[in-house]
Amino acid sequence: MLDIGEGRKATGIEVLSWAFTDTAHHRGQAEVYLRVKNIKPPRYVF
């Protein structure tokens, strides 16, 4: 278990899952912004 602050704990897989979903969320927000500006977003590569 990893201490993630404020007395909370998480497993390593939970932290990795959070990082992946957080990155996907921000990537999605950036793509929406670029499309609104009529810019084709670059292809996403893992």
C-alpha atoms as a PDB file:
ATOM      1  CA  MET A   1       0.000   0.000   0.000  1.00  0.00           C
ATOM      2  CA  LEU A   2       1.195   3.477  -0.867  1.00  0.00           C
ATOM      3  CA  ASP A   3       0.435   6.541   1.217  1.00  0.00           C
ATOM      4  CA  ILE A   4      -1.252   9.005  -1.162  1.00  0.00           C
ATOM      5  CA  GLY A   5      -1.733  11.768   1.366  1.00  0.00           C
ATOM      6  CA  GLU A   6      -4.253  12.811   3.986  1.00  0.00           C
ATOM      7  CA  GLY A   7      -4.102   9.366   5.594  1.00  0.00           C
ATOM      8  CA  ARG A   8      -5.293   7.629   2.422  1.00  0.00           C
ATOM      9  CA  LYS A   9      -3.646   4.522   1.031  1.00  0.00           C
ATOM     10  CA  ALA A  10      -3.786   2.869  -2.374  1.00  0.00           C
ATOM     11  CA  THR A  11      -2.249  -0.141  -4.074  1.00  0.00           C
ATOM     12  CA  GLY A  12       0.251   0.294  -6.872  1.00  0.00           C
ATOM     13  CA  ILE A  13      -2.297  -0.843  -9.459  1.00  0.00           C
ATOM     14  CA  GLU A  14      -4.790   1.741  -8.175  1.00  0.00           C
ATOM     15  CA  VAL A  15      -2.189   4.487  -8.590  1.00  0.00           C
ATOM     16  CA  LEU A  16      -1.347   3.307 -12.120  1.00  0.00           C
ATOM     17  CA  SER A  17      -5.037   3.112 -12.994  1.00  0.00           C
ATOM     18  CA  TRP A  18      -5.607   6.635 -11.689  1.00  0.00           C
ATOM     19  CA  ALA A  19      -2.620   7.946 -13.670  1.00  0.00           C
ATOM     20  CA  PHE A  20      -3.896   6.297 -16.867  1.00  0.00           C
ATOM     21  CA  THR A  21      -7.455   7.612 -16.519  1.00  0.00           C
ATOM     22  CA  ASP A  22      -6.218  11.082 -15.530  1.00  0.00           C
ATOM     23  CA  THR A  23      -3.988  11.201 -18.611  1.00  0.00           C
ATOM     24  CA  ALA A  24      -6.858  10.007 -20.821  1.00  0.00           C
ATOM     25  CA  HIS A  25      -9.145  12.693 -19.366  1.00  0.00           C
ATOM     26  CA  HIS A  26      -6.670  15.508 -20.003  1.00  0.00           C
ATOM     27  CA  ARG A  27      -5.907  14.172 -23.476  1.00  0.00           C
ATOM     28  CA  GLY A  28      -9.637  14.187 -24.258  1.00  0.00           C
ATOM     29  CA  GLN A  29     -10.021  17.750 -23.006  1.00  0.00           C
ATOM     30  CA  ALA A  30      -7.058  18.863 -25.123  1.00  0.00           C
ATOM     31  CA  GLU A  31      -8.530  17.174 -28.207  1.00  0.00           C
ATOM     32  CA  VAL A  32     -11.841  18.976 -27.740  1.00  0.00           C
ATOM     33  CA  TYR A  33     -10.015  22.306 -27.420  1.00  0.00           C
ATOM     34  CA  LEU A  34      -7.980  21.657 -30.572  1.00  0.00           C
ATOM     35  CA  ARG A  35     -11.050  20.603 -32.555  1.00  0.00           C
ATOM     36  CA  VAL A  36     -12.922  23.753 -31.488  1.00  0.00           C
ATOM     37  CA  LYS A  37      -9.959  25.712 -32.900  1.00  0.00           C
ATOM     38  CA  ASN A  38     -10.217  23.683 -36.152  1.00  0.00           C
ATOM     39  CA  ILE A  39      -6.885  21.961 -35.496  1.00  0.00           C
ATOM     40  CA  LYS A  40      -6.587  18.237 -36.134  1.00  0.00           C
ATOM     41  CA  PRO A  41      -5.127  16.680 -32.978  1.00  0.00           C
ATOM     42  CA  PRO A  42      -2.121  14.391 -33.388  1.00  0.00           C
ATOM     43  CA  ARG A  43      -2.713  10.650 -33.317  1.00  0.00           C
ATOM     44  CA  TYR A  44      -2.559   9.222 -29.809  1.00  0.00           C
ATOM     45  CA  VAL A  45       0.215   6.686 -29.273  1.00  0.00           C
ATOM     46  CA  PHE A  46       0.544   4.623 -26.083  1.00  0.00           C
END
